[in-house]
Structures are given as C-alpha cells and as structure tokens.
PDB file of all heavy atoms in Angstrom:
ATOM      1  N   GLU A   1      53.168  11.248 103.656  1.00  0.00           N
ATOM      2  CA  GLU A   1      54.244  10.685 104.508  1.00  0.00           C
ATOM      3  C   GLU A   1      55.327  11.605 104.745  1.00  0.00           C
ATOM      4  O   GLU A   1      55.963  11.768 105.822  1.00  0.00           O
ATOM      5  CB  GLU A   1      54.689   9.300 103.888  1.00  0.00           C
ATOM      6  CG  GLU A   1      53.721   8.215 104.124  1.00  0.00           C
ATOM      7  CD  GLU A   1      53.340   7.933 105.536  1.00  0.00           C
ATOM      8  OE1 GLU A   1      54.144   7.904 106.434  1.00  0.00           O
ATOM      9  OE2 GLU A   1      52.042   7.754 105.899  1.00  0.00           O
ATOM     10  N   GLN A   2      55.752  12.273 103.688  1.00  0.00           N
ATOM     11  CA  GLN A   2      56.883  13.217 103.675  1.00  0.00           C
ATOM     12  C   GLN A   2      56.519  14.404 104.608  1.00  0.00           C
ATOM     13  O   GLN A   2      57.367  14.824 105.404  1.00  0.00           O
ATOM     14  CB  GLN A   2      57.351  13.683 102.248  1.00  0.00           C
ATOM     15  CG  GLN A   2      57.906  12.579 101.443  1.00  0.00           C
ATOM     16  CD  GLN A   2      57.953  12.762  99.996  1.00  0.00           C
ATOM     17  OE1 GLN A   2      57.119  13.679  99.492  1.00  0.00           O
ATOM     18  NE2 GLN A   2      58.906  12.160  99.275  1.00  0.00           N
ATOM     19  N   VAL A   3      55.305  14.902 104.503  1.00  0.00           N
ATOM     20  CA  VAL A   3      54.882  16.075 105.305  1.00  0.00           C
ATOM     21  C   VAL A   3      54.732  15.673 106.791  1.00  0.00           C
ATOM     22  O   VAL A   3      55.170  16.364 107.615  1.00  0.00           O
ATOM     23  CB  VAL A   3      53.607  16.763 104.755  1.00  0.00           C
ATOM     24  CG1 VAL A   3      53.198  17.801 105.652  1.00  0.00           C
ATOM     25  CG2 VAL A   3      53.896  17.278 103.392  1.00  0.00           C
ATOM     26  N   LEU A   4      54.241  14.435 106.909  1.00  0.00           N
ATOM     27  CA  LEU A   4      54.245  13.937 108.359  1.00  0.00           C
ATOM     28  C   LEU A   4      55.562  13.878 108.890  1.00  0.00           C
ATOM     29  O   LEU A   4      55.689  14.319 110.193  1.00  0.00           O
ATOM     30  CB  LEU A   4      53.513  12.550 108.512  1.00  0.00           C
ATOM     31  CG  LEU A   4      53.349  11.966 109.865  1.00  0.00           C
ATOM     32  CD1 LEU A   4      52.486  12.850 110.583  1.00  0.00           C
ATOM     33  CD2 LEU A   4      52.763  10.540 109.700  1.00  0.00           C
ATOM     34  N   GLU A   5      56.607  13.425 108.263  1.00  0.00           N
ATOM     35  CA  GLU A   5      57.849  13.391 108.750  1.00  0.00           C
ATOM     36  C   GLU A   5      58.429  14.759 109.033  1.00  0.00           C
ATOM     37  O   GLU A   5      59.128  14.990 110.100  1.00  0.00           O
ATOM     38  CB  GLU A   5      58.803  12.679 107.766  1.00  0.00           C
ATOM     39  CG  GLU A   5      60.329  12.493 108.224  1.00  0.00           C
ATOM     40  CD  GLU A   5      60.395  11.743 109.524  1.00  0.00           C
ATOM     41  OE1 GLU A   5      59.660  10.847 109.836  1.00  0.00           O
ATOM     42  OE2 GLU A   5      61.475  12.116 110.324  1.00  0.00           O
ATOM     43  N   LEU A   6      58.094  15.685 108.153  1.00  0.00           N
ATOM     44  CA  LEU A   6      58.383  17.113 108.291  1.00  0.00           C
ATOM     45  C   LEU A   6      57.903  17.608 109.660  1.00  0.00           C
ATOM     46  O   LEU A   6      58.645  18.252 110.472  1.00  0.00           O
ATOM     47  CB  LEU A   6      57.999  17.900 107.244  1.00  0.00           C
ATOM     48  CG  LEU A   6      58.283  19.424 107.163  1.00  0.00           C
ATOM     49  CD1 LEU A   6      58.186  19.928 105.774  1.00  0.00           C
ATOM     50  CD2 LEU A   6      57.304  20.226 107.994  1.00  0.00           C
ATOM     51  N   THR A   7      56.684  17.258 110.018  1.00  0.00           N
ATOM     52  CA  THR A   7      56.069  17.825 111.245  1.00  0.00           C
ATOM     53  C   THR A   7      56.673  17.105 112.505  1.00  0.00           C
ATOM     54  O   THR A   7      56.840  17.772 113.547  1.00  0.00           O
ATOM     55  CB  THR A   7      54.505  17.506 111.300  1.00  0.00           C
ATOM     56  OG1 THR A   7      54.338  16.009 111.478  1.00  0.00           O
ATOM     57  CG2 THR A   7      53.800  17.890 110.074  1.00  0.00           C
ATOM     58  N   ARG A   8      57.231  15.999 112.333  1.00  0.00           N
ATOM     59  CA  ARG A   8      57.838  15.330 113.464  1.00  0.00           C
ATOM     60  C   ARG A   8      59.304  15.886 113.675  1.00  0.00           C
ATOM     61  O   ARG A   8      59.920  15.942 114.779  1.00  0.00           O
ATOM     62  CB  ARG A   8      57.996  13.787 113.088  1.00  0.00           C
ATOM     63  CG  ARG A   8      56.707  13.140 113.199  1.00  0.00           C
ATOM     64  CD  ARG A   8      56.800  11.653 112.822  1.00  0.00           C
ATOM     65  NE  ARG A   8      55.463  10.951 113.006  1.00  0.00           N
ATOM     66  CZ  ARG A   8      55.185   9.775 112.575  1.00  0.00           C
ATOM     67  NH1 ARG A   8      56.113   9.172 111.855  1.00  0.00           N
ATOM     68  NH2 ARG A   8      53.998   9.237 112.891  1.00  0.00           N
ATOM     69  N   GLN A   9      59.864  16.564 112.569  1.00  0.00           N
ATOM     70  CA  GLN A   9      61.130  17.152 112.844  1.00  0.00           C
ATOM     71  C   GLN A   9      61.090  18.561 113.313  1.00  0.00           C
ATOM     72  O   GLN A   9      62.171  19.122 113.685  1.00  0.00           O
ATOM     73  CB  GLN A   9      61.817  17.131 111.529  1.00  0.00           C
ATOM     74  CG  GLN A   9      62.230  15.693 111.005  1.00  0.00           C
ATOM     75  CD  GLN A   9      63.002  15.825 109.625  1.00  0.00           C
ATOM     76  OE1 GLN A   9      63.642  16.778 109.338  1.00  0.00           O
ATOM     77  NE2 GLN A   9      62.779  14.691 108.916  1.00  0.00           N
ATOM     78  N   THR A  10      59.974  19.145 113.506  1.00  0.00           N
ATOM     79  CA  THR A  10      59.814  20.505 113.917  1.00  0.00           C
ATOM     80  C   THR A  10      60.264  20.630 115.401  1.00  0.00           C
ATOM     81  O   THR A  10      60.754  21.829 115.846  1.00  0.00           O
ATOM     82  CB  THR A  10      58.422  21.036 113.801  1.00  0.00           C
ATOM     83  OG1 THR A  10      57.519  20.349 114.734  1.00  0.00           O
ATOM     84  CG2 THR A  10      57.917  21.003 112.319  1.00  0.00           C
ATOM     85  N   GLY A  11      60.014  19.637 116.161  1.00  0.00           N
ATOM     86  CA  GLY A  11      60.316  19.718 117.580  1.00  0.00           C
ATOM     87  C   GLY A  11      59.115  20.263 118.477  1.00  0.00           C
ATOM     88  O   GLY A  11      59.285  20.308 119.635  1.00  0.00           O
ATOM     89  N   ILE A  12      58.070  20.718 117.780  1.00  0.00           N
ATOM     90  CA  ILE A  12      56.943  21.301 118.534  1.00  0.00           C
ATOM     91  C   ILE A  12      56.251  20.294 119.320  1.00  0.00           C
ATOM     92  O   ILE A  12      55.884  20.484 120.507  1.00  0.00           O
ATOM     93  CB  ILE A  12      55.926  21.903 117.649  1.00  0.00           C
ATOM     94  CG1 ILE A  12      56.616  23.054 116.798  1.00  0.00           C
ATOM     95  CG2 ILE A  12      54.707  22.443 118.183  1.00  0.00           C
ATOM     96  CD1 ILE A  12      55.770  23.681 115.699  1.00  0.00           C
ATOM     97  N   GLY A  13      56.015  19.024 118.797  1.00  0.00           N
ATOM     98  CA  GLY A  13      55.390  17.948 119.474  1.00  0.00           C
ATOM     99  C   GLY A  13      53.914  18.223 119.851  1.00  0.00           C
ATOM    100  O   GLY A  13      53.346  19.177 119.351  1.00  0.00           O
ATOM    101  N   ALA A  14      53.490  17.401 120.779  1.00  0.00           N
ATOM    102  CA  ALA A  14      52.089  17.455 121.209  1.00  0.00           C
ATOM    103  C   ALA A  14      52.020  18.567 122.330  1.00  0.00           C
ATOM    104  O   ALA A  14      51.722  18.381 123.469  1.00  0.00           O
ATOM    105  CB  ALA A  14      51.597  16.240 121.771  1.00  0.00           C
ATOM    106  N   GLN A  15      52.242  19.877 121.773  1.00  0.00           N
ATOM    107  CA  GLN A  15      52.114  21.018 122.510  1.00  0.00           C
ATOM    108  C   GLN A  15      53.441  21.571 123.283  1.00  0.00           C
ATOM    109  O   GLN A  15      53.692  22.792 123.387  1.00  0.00           O
ATOM    110  CB  GLN A  15      50.924  21.056 123.486  1.00  0.00           C
ATOM    111  CG  GLN A  15      49.596  20.612 122.805  1.00  0.00           C
ATOM    112  CD  GLN A  15      48.387  20.833 123.721  1.00  0.00           C
ATOM    113  OE1 GLN A  15      48.342  21.505 124.597  1.00  0.00           O
ATOM    114  NE2 GLN A  15      47.486  20.001 123.461  1.00  0.00           N
ATOM    115  N   PHE A  16      54.263  20.660 123.845  1.00  0.00           N
ATOM    116  CA  PHE A  16      55.294  21.227 124.660  1.00  0.00           C
ATOM    117  C   PHE A  16      56.612  20.492 124.308  1.00  0.00           C
ATOM    118  O   PHE A  16      57.433  20.365 125.217  1.00  0.00           O
ATOM    119  CB  PHE A  16      55.017  21.018 126.123  1.00  0.00           C
ATOM    120  CG  PHE A  16      53.740  21.804 126.576  1.00  0.00           C
ATOM    121  CD1 PHE A  16      52.507  21.058 126.706  1.00  0.00           C
ATOM    122  CD2 PHE A  16      53.694  23.112 126.627  1.00  0.00           C
ATOM    123  CE1 PHE A  16      51.461  21.714 127.028  1.00  0.00           C
ATOM    124  CE2 PHE A  16      52.474  23.882 126.964  1.00  0.00           C
ATOM    125  CZ  PHE A  16      51.310  23.130 127.280  1.00  0.00           C
ATOM    126  N   GLY A  17      56.851  20.179 123.066  1.00  0.00           N
ATOM    127  CA  GLY A  17      58.103  19.566 122.612  1.00  0.00           C
ATOM    128  C   GLY A  17      57.995  18.128 122.443  1.00  0.00           C
ATOM    129  O   GLY A  17      57.582  17.373 123.274  1.00  0.00           O
ATOM    130  N   GLY A  18      58.473  17.658 121.376  1.00  0.00           N
ATOM    131  CA  GLY A  18      58.584  16.307 121.044  1.00  0.00           C
ATOM    132  C   GLY A  18      58.292  16.006 119.514  1.00  0.00           C
ATOM    133  O   GLY A  18      58.627  16.863 118.652  1.00  0.00           O
ATOM    134  N   LYS A  19      57.693  14.870 119.295  1.00  0.00           N
ATOM    135  CA  LYS A  19      57.555  14.319 117.911  1.00  0.00           C
ATOM    136  C   LYS A  19      56.177  14.522 117.381  1.00  0.00           C
ATOM    137  O   LYS A  19      55.994  14.511 116.190  1.00  0.00           O
ATOM    138  CB  LYS A  19      57.968  12.916 117.934  1.00  0.00           C
ATOM    139  CG  LYS A  19      57.785  12.130 116.772  1.00  0.00           C
ATOM    140  CD  LYS A  19      58.124  10.585 117.056  1.00  0.00           C
ATOM    141  CE  LYS A  19      57.744   9.744 115.851  1.00  0.00           C
ATOM    142  NZ  LYS A  19      58.043   8.192 116.151  1.00  0.00           N
ATOM    143  N   TYR A  20      55.181  14.405 118.236  1.00  0.00           N
ATOM    144  CA  TYR A  20      53.752  14.329 117.783  1.00  0.00           C
ATOM    145  C   TYR A  20      53.020  15.577 117.638  1.00  0.00           C
ATOM    146  O   TYR A  20      51.987  15.905 118.264  1.00  0.00           O
ATOM    147  CB  TYR A  20      52.984  13.288 118.634  1.00  0.00           C
ATOM    148  CG  TYR A  20      53.342  11.944 118.412  1.00  0.00           C
ATOM    149  CD1 TYR A  20      54.351  11.293 119.111  1.00  0.00           C
ATOM    150  CD2 TYR A  20      52.745  11.201 117.352  1.00  0.00           C
ATOM    151  CE1 TYR A  20      54.732   9.971 118.799  1.00  0.00           C
ATOM    152  CE2 TYR A  20      53.058   9.889 116.986  1.00  0.00           C
ATOM    153  CZ  TYR A  20      54.016   9.279 117.826  1.00  0.00           C
ATOM    154  OH  TYR A  20      54.342   8.033 117.544  1.00  0.00           O
ATOM    155  N   PHE A  21      53.479  16.404 116.715  1.00  0.00           N
ATOM    156  CA  PHE A  21      52.755  17.708 116.443  1.00  0.00           C
ATOM    157  C   PHE A  21      51.513  17.308 115.658  1.00  0.00           C
ATOM    158  O   PHE A  21      50.501  17.944 115.683  1.00  0.00           O
ATOM    159  CB  PHE A  21      53.600  18.578 115.583  1.00  0.00           C
ATOM    160  CG  PHE A  21      53.031  19.891 115.203  1.00  0.00           C
ATOM    161  CD1 PHE A  21      52.466  20.786 116.264  1.00  0.00           C
ATOM    162  CD2 PHE A  21      53.002  20.450 113.951  1.00  0.00           C
ATOM    163  CE1 PHE A  21      52.013  22.004 115.944  1.00  0.00           C
ATOM    164  CE2 PHE A  21      52.523  21.714 113.703  1.00  0.00           C
ATOM    165  CZ  PHE A  21      52.048  22.447 114.693  1.00  0.00           C
ATOM    166  N   CYS A  22      51.495  16.240 114.773  1.00  0.00           N
ATOM    167  CA  CYS A  22      50.398  15.769 114.076  1.00  0.00           C
ATOM    168  C   CYS A  22      50.249  14.217 114.128  1.00  0.00           C
ATOM    169  O   CYS A  22      51.227  13.569 114.226  1.00  0.00           O
ATOM    170  CB  CYS A  22      50.606  16.010 112.560  1.00  0.00           C
ATOM    171  SG  CYS A  22      50.642  17.751 112.208  1.00  0.00           S
ATOM    172  N   HIS A  23      49.021  13.824 114.198  1.00  0.00           N
ATOM    173  CA  HIS A  23      48.731  12.494 114.180  1.00  0.00           C
ATOM    174  C   HIS A  23      48.904  11.843 112.733  1.00  0.00           C
ATOM    175  O   HIS A  23      49.514  10.781 112.576  1.00  0.00           O
ATOM    176  CB  HIS A  23      47.232  12.119 114.546  1.00  0.00           C
ATOM    177  CG  HIS A  23      46.950  12.271 116.028  1.00  0.00           C
ATOM    178  ND1 HIS A  23      47.637  11.403 116.874  1.00  0.00           N
ATOM    179  CD2 HIS A  23      45.951  12.946 116.699  1.00  0.00           C
ATOM    180  CE1 HIS A  23      47.097  11.714 118.214  1.00  0.00           C
ATOM    181  NE2 HIS A  23      46.154  12.591 118.012  1.00  0.00           N
ATOM    182  N   ASP A  24      48.431  12.674 111.830  1.00  0.00           N
ATOM    183  CA  ASP A  24      48.559  12.173 110.421  1.00  0.00           C
ATOM    184  C   ASP A  24      48.254  13.389 109.461  1.00  0.00           C
ATOM    185  O   ASP A  24      47.965  14.617 109.996  1.00  0.00           O
ATOM    186  CB  ASP A  24      47.374  11.130 110.044  1.00  0.00           C
ATOM    187  CG  ASP A  24      45.999  11.608 110.630  1.00  0.00           C
ATOM    188  OD1 ASP A  24      45.706  12.699 110.415  1.00  0.00           O
ATOM    189  OD2 ASP A  24      45.373  10.713 111.153  1.00  0.00           O
ATOM    190  N   VAL A  25      48.534  13.241 108.127  1.00  0.00           N
ATOM    191  CA  VAL A  25      48.423  14.310 107.157  1.00  0.00           C
ATOM    192  C   VAL A  25      47.617  13.807 106.127  1.00  0.00           C
ATOM    193  O   VAL A  25      47.772  12.577 105.599  1.00  0.00           O
ATOM    194  CB  VAL A  25      49.806  14.699 106.780  1.00  0.00           C
ATOM    195  CG1 VAL A  25      49.798  15.795 105.710  1.00  0.00           C
ATOM    196  CG2 VAL A  25      50.708  15.229 107.891  1.00  0.00           C
ATOM    197  N   ARG A  26      46.829  14.623 105.496  1.00  0.00           N
ATOM    198  CA  ARG A  26      46.138  14.423 104.219  1.00  0.00           C
ATOM    199  C   ARG A  26      46.513  15.452 103.222  1.00  0.00           C
ATOM    200  O   ARG A  26      46.437  16.684 103.524  1.00  0.00           O
ATOM    201  CB  ARG A  26      44.542  14.422 104.432  1.00  0.00           C
ATOM    202  CG  ARG A  26      44.013  13.416 105.361  1.00  0.00           C
ATOM    203  CD  ARG A  26      44.076  11.976 104.895  1.00  0.00           C
ATOM    204  NE  ARG A  26      43.468  11.048 105.738  1.00  0.00           N
ATOM    205  CZ  ARG A  26      44.011  10.425 106.830  1.00  0.00           C
ATOM    206  NH1 ARG A  26      45.357  10.721 107.067  1.00  0.00           N
ATOM    207  NH2 ARG A  26      43.434   9.491 107.548  1.00  0.00           N
ATOM    208  N   VAL A  27      46.877  15.072 101.976  1.00  0.00           N
ATOM    209  CA  VAL A  27      47.189  15.969 100.996  1.00  0.00           C
ATOM    210  C   VAL A  27      46.432  15.682  99.726  1.00  0.00           C
ATOM    211  O   VAL A  27      46.438  14.582  99.335  1.00  0.00           O
ATOM    212  CB  VAL A  27      48.775  15.903 100.630  1.00  0.00           C
ATOM    213  CG1 VAL A  27      49.103  16.875  99.448  1.00  0.00           C
ATOM    214  CG2 VAL A  27      49.720  16.193 101.842  1.00  0.00           C
ATOM    215  N   VAL A  28      45.642  16.695  99.445  1.00  0.00           N
ATOM    216  CA  VAL A  28      44.727  16.488  98.227  1.00  0.00           C
ATOM    217  C   VAL A  28      45.260  17.547  97.080  1.00  0.00           C
ATOM    218  O   VAL A  28      45.317  18.682  97.410  1.00  0.00           O
ATOM    219  CB  VAL A  28      43.242  16.862  98.703  1.00  0.00           C
ATOM    220  CG1 VAL A  28      42.370  16.758  97.399  1.00  0.00           C
ATOM    221  CG2 VAL A  28      42.782  15.779  99.689  1.00  0.00           C
ATOM    222  N   ARG A  29      45.385  16.898  95.934  1.00  0.00           N
ATOM    223  CA  ARG A  29      45.654  17.771  94.803  1.00  0.00           C
ATOM    224  C   ARG A  29      44.337  17.910  93.871  1.00  0.00           C
ATOM    225  O   ARG A  29      43.709  16.988  93.607  1.00  0.00           O
ATOM    226  CB  ARG A  29      46.795  16.923  93.912  1.00  0.00           C
ATOM    227  CG  ARG A  29      47.217  17.837  92.720  1.00  0.00           C
ATOM    228  CD  ARG A  29      48.064  19.086  93.080  1.00  0.00           C
ATOM    229  NE  ARG A  29      48.901  19.508  92.006  1.00  0.00           N
ATOM    230  CZ  ARG A  29      48.441  20.366  91.009  1.00  0.00           C
ATOM    231  NH1 ARG A  29      47.184  20.809  90.991  1.00  0.00           N
ATOM    232  NH2 ARG A  29      49.284  20.602  90.105  1.00  0.00           N
ATOM    233  N   LEU A  30      44.098  19.193  93.656  1.00  0.00           N
ATOM    234  CA  LEU A  30      42.933  19.510  92.820  1.00  0.00           C
ATOM    235  C   LEU A  30      43.310  20.144  91.464  1.00  0.00           C
ATOM    236  O   LEU A  30      44.382  20.755  91.413  1.00  0.00           O
ATOM    237  CB  LEU A  30      41.976  20.494  93.571  1.00  0.00           C
ATOM    238  CG  LEU A  30      41.372  19.948  94.909  1.00  0.00           C
ATOM    239  CD1 LEU A  30      40.505  21.027  95.473  1.00  0.00           C
ATOM    240  CD2 LEU A  30      40.488  18.773  94.542  1.00  0.00           C
ATOM    241  N   PRO A  31      42.409  20.140  90.514  1.00  0.00           N
ATOM    242  CA  PRO A  31      42.749  20.874  89.286  1.00  0.00           C
ATOM    243  C   PRO A  31      42.700  22.374  89.623  1.00  0.00           C
ATOM    244  O   PRO A  31      42.255  22.804  90.673  1.00  0.00           O
ATOM    245  CB  PRO A  31      41.596  20.487  88.308  1.00  0.00           C
ATOM    246  CG  PRO A  31      40.420  20.086  89.306  1.00  0.00           C
ATOM    247  CD  PRO A  31      41.205  19.402  90.438  1.00  0.00           C
ATOM    248  N   ARG A  32      43.265  23.181  88.771  1.00  0.00           N
ATOM    249  CA  ARG A  32      43.319  24.516  88.959  1.00  0.00           C
ATOM    250  C   ARG A  32      43.291  25.427  87.619  1.00  0.00           C
ATOM    251  O   ARG A  32      43.583  24.853  86.531  1.00  0.00           O
ATOM    252  CB  ARG A  32      44.624  24.995  89.523  1.00  0.00           C
ATOM    253  CG  ARG A  32      45.913  24.654  88.771  1.00  0.00           C
ATOM    254  CD  ARG A  32      47.155  24.984  89.530  1.00  0.00           C
ATOM    255  NE  ARG A  32      48.294  24.821  88.579  1.00  0.00           N
ATOM    256  CZ  ARG A  32      48.926  25.800  88.062  1.00  0.00           C
ATOM    257  NH1 ARG A  32      48.492  27.118  88.307  1.00  0.00           N
ATOM    258  NH2 ARG A  32      50.028  25.662  87.286  1.00  0.00           N
ATOM    259  N   HIS A  33      42.926  26.630  87.698  1.00  0.00           N
ATOM    260  CA  HIS A  33      43.101  27.600  86.505  1.00  0.00           C
ATOM    261  C   HIS A  33      44.648  27.814  86.376  1.00  0.00           C
ATOM    262  O   HIS A  33      45.378  27.990  87.361  1.00  0.00           O
ATOM    263  CB  HIS A  33      42.437  28.952  86.890  1.00  0.00           C
ATOM    264  CG  HIS A  33      42.408  29.873  85.701  1.00  0.00           C
ATOM    265  ND1 HIS A  33      43.563  30.630  85.357  1.00  0.00           N
ATOM    266  CD2 HIS A  33      41.525  30.284  84.886  1.00  0.00           C
ATOM    267  CE1 HIS A  33      43.327  31.367  84.360  1.00  0.00           C
ATOM    268  NE2 HIS A  33      42.021  31.225  84.021  1.00  0.00           N
ATOM    269  N   GLY A  34      45.086  27.954  85.097  1.00  0.00           N
ATOM    270  CA  GLY A  34      46.563  28.035  84.946  1.00  0.00           C
ATOM    271  C   GLY A  34      47.222  29.184  85.533  1.00  0.00           C
ATOM    272  O   GLY A  34      48.389  29.269  85.835  1.00  0.00           O
ATOM    273  N   ALA A  35      46.358  30.215  85.841  1.00  0.00           N
ATOM    274  CA  ALA A  35      46.958  31.495  86.326  1.00  0.00           C
ATOM    275  C   ALA A  35      46.750  31.513  87.995  1.00  0.00           C
ATOM    276  O   ALA A  35      47.172  32.622  88.534  1.00  0.00           O
ATOM    277  CB  ALA A  35      46.199  32.785  85.898  1.00  0.00           C
ATOM    278  N   SER A  36      46.248  30.414  88.633  1.00  0.00           N
ATOM    279  CA  SER A  36      45.950  30.437  90.026  1.00  0.00           C
ATOM    280  C   SER A  36      46.550  29.146  90.670  1.00  0.00           C
ATOM    281  O   SER A  36      46.366  28.130  90.013  1.00  0.00           O
ATOM    282  CB  SER A  36      44.472  30.636  90.262  1.00  0.00           C
ATOM    283  OG  SER A  36      43.988  31.784  89.807  1.00  0.00           O
ATOM    284  N   LEU A  37      47.032  29.290  91.867  1.00  0.00           N
ATOM    285  CA  LEU A  37      47.377  28.114  92.623  1.00  0.00           C
ATOM    286  C   LEU A  37      46.980  28.323  94.039  1.00  0.00           C
ATOM    287  O   LEU A  37      47.920  28.664  94.892  1.00  0.00           O
ATOM    288  CB  LEU A  37      48.942  27.817  92.539  1.00  0.00           C
ATOM    289  CG  LEU A  37      49.339  26.368  93.090  1.00  0.00           C
ATOM    290  CD1 LEU A  37      48.596  25.252  92.661  1.00  0.00           C
ATOM    291  CD2 LEU A  37      50.782  26.294  93.089  1.00  0.00           C
ATOM    292  N   PRO A  38      45.827  28.186  94.422  1.00  0.00           N
ATOM    293  CA  PRO A  38      45.474  28.187  95.928  1.00  0.00           C
ATOM    294  C   PRO A  38      45.967  27.093  96.605  1.00  0.00           C
ATOM    295  O   PRO A  38      45.975  25.896  96.188  1.00  0.00           O
ATOM    296  CB  PRO A  38      43.979  28.302  95.806  1.00  0.00           C
ATOM    297  CG  PRO A  38      43.422  27.483  94.625  1.00  0.00           C
ATOM    298  CD  PRO A  38      44.525  27.838  93.508  1.00  0.00           C
ATOM    299  N   VAL A  39      46.499  27.275  97.882  1.00  0.00           N
ATOM    300  CA  VAL A  39      46.930  26.257  98.686  1.00  0.00           C
ATOM    301  C   VAL A  39      46.142  26.556 100.058  1.00  0.00           C
ATOM    302  O   VAL A  39      46.286  27.586 100.679  1.00  0.00           O
ATOM    303  CB  VAL A  39      48.399  26.231  98.887  1.00  0.00           C
ATOM    304  CG1 VAL A  39      48.848  25.163 100.029  1.00  0.00           C
ATOM    305  CG2 VAL A  39      49.225  25.965  97.594  1.00  0.00           C
ATOM    306  N   ALA A  40      45.462  25.613 100.501  1.00  0.00           N
ATOM    307  CA  ALA A  40      44.702  25.667 101.695  1.00  0.00           C
ATOM    308  C   ALA A  40      45.202  24.622 102.678  1.00  0.00           C
ATOM    309  O   ALA A  40      45.526  23.520 102.454  1.00  0.00           O
ATOM    310  CB  ALA A  40      43.136  25.341 101.427  1.00  0.00           C
ATOM    311  N   ILE A  41      45.251  25.175 103.984  1.00  0.00           N
ATOM    312  CA  ILE A  41      45.699  24.322 105.095  1.00  0.00           C
ATOM    313  C   ILE A  41      44.632  24.395 106.221  1.00  0.00           C
ATOM    314  O   ILE A  41      44.058  25.462 106.559  1.00  0.00           O
ATOM    315  CB  ILE A  41      46.988  24.866 105.620  1.00  0.00           C
ATOM    316  CG1 ILE A  41      48.175  24.585 104.551  1.00  0.00           C
ATOM    317  CG2 ILE A  41      47.414  24.019 106.980  1.00  0.00           C
ATOM    318  CD1 ILE A  41      49.498  25.141 105.051  1.00  0.00           C
ATOM    319  N   ALA A  42      44.236  23.212 106.808  1.00  0.00           N
ATOM    320  CA  ALA A  42      43.300  23.205 107.844  1.00  0.00           C
ATOM    321  C   ALA A  42      43.659  22.113 108.831  1.00  0.00           C
ATOM    322  O   ALA A  42      44.383  21.158 108.413  1.00  0.00           O
ATOM    323  CB  ALA A  42      41.912  22.849 107.410  1.00  0.00           C
ATOM    324  N   VAL A  43      43.243  22.216 109.995  1.00  0.00           N
ATOM    325  CA  VAL A  43      43.393  21.146 111.057  1.00  0.00           C
ATOM    326  C   VAL A  43      42.214  20.651 111.739  1.00  0.00           C
ATOM    327  O   VAL A  43      41.250  21.552 111.845  1.00  0.00           O
ATOM    328  CB  VAL A  43      44.453  21.552 112.057  1.00  0.00           C
ATOM    329  CG1 VAL A  43      45.914  21.969 111.514  1.00  0.00           C
ATOM    330  CG2 VAL A  43      43.910  22.792 112.913  1.00  0.00           C
TER     331      VAL A  43
END
C-alpha cells in the first residue's frame, strides 16, 4: 500500500500525467544469503 501511494505521487499517471501509474503493487520478501540482497522489479 505504501509503494502504491508512492507511485500515485510521482505524477507520471497512466502515461501522460496523473495518479494511475500503477493499478496495484505486489511486494514479496524472500530469504537471502547474508552477504547478498537481490531486489527484482517487474511489471
């Protein structure tokens, strides 16, 4: 929810300015090796 609000504040919107850069957001937390922290983003 926090990231979705962040996307709404960018002003990018649905391509030409506005609120709807994203419909929704999924954030998944996975285990990791202590020396690594990969972060992946996809749409």
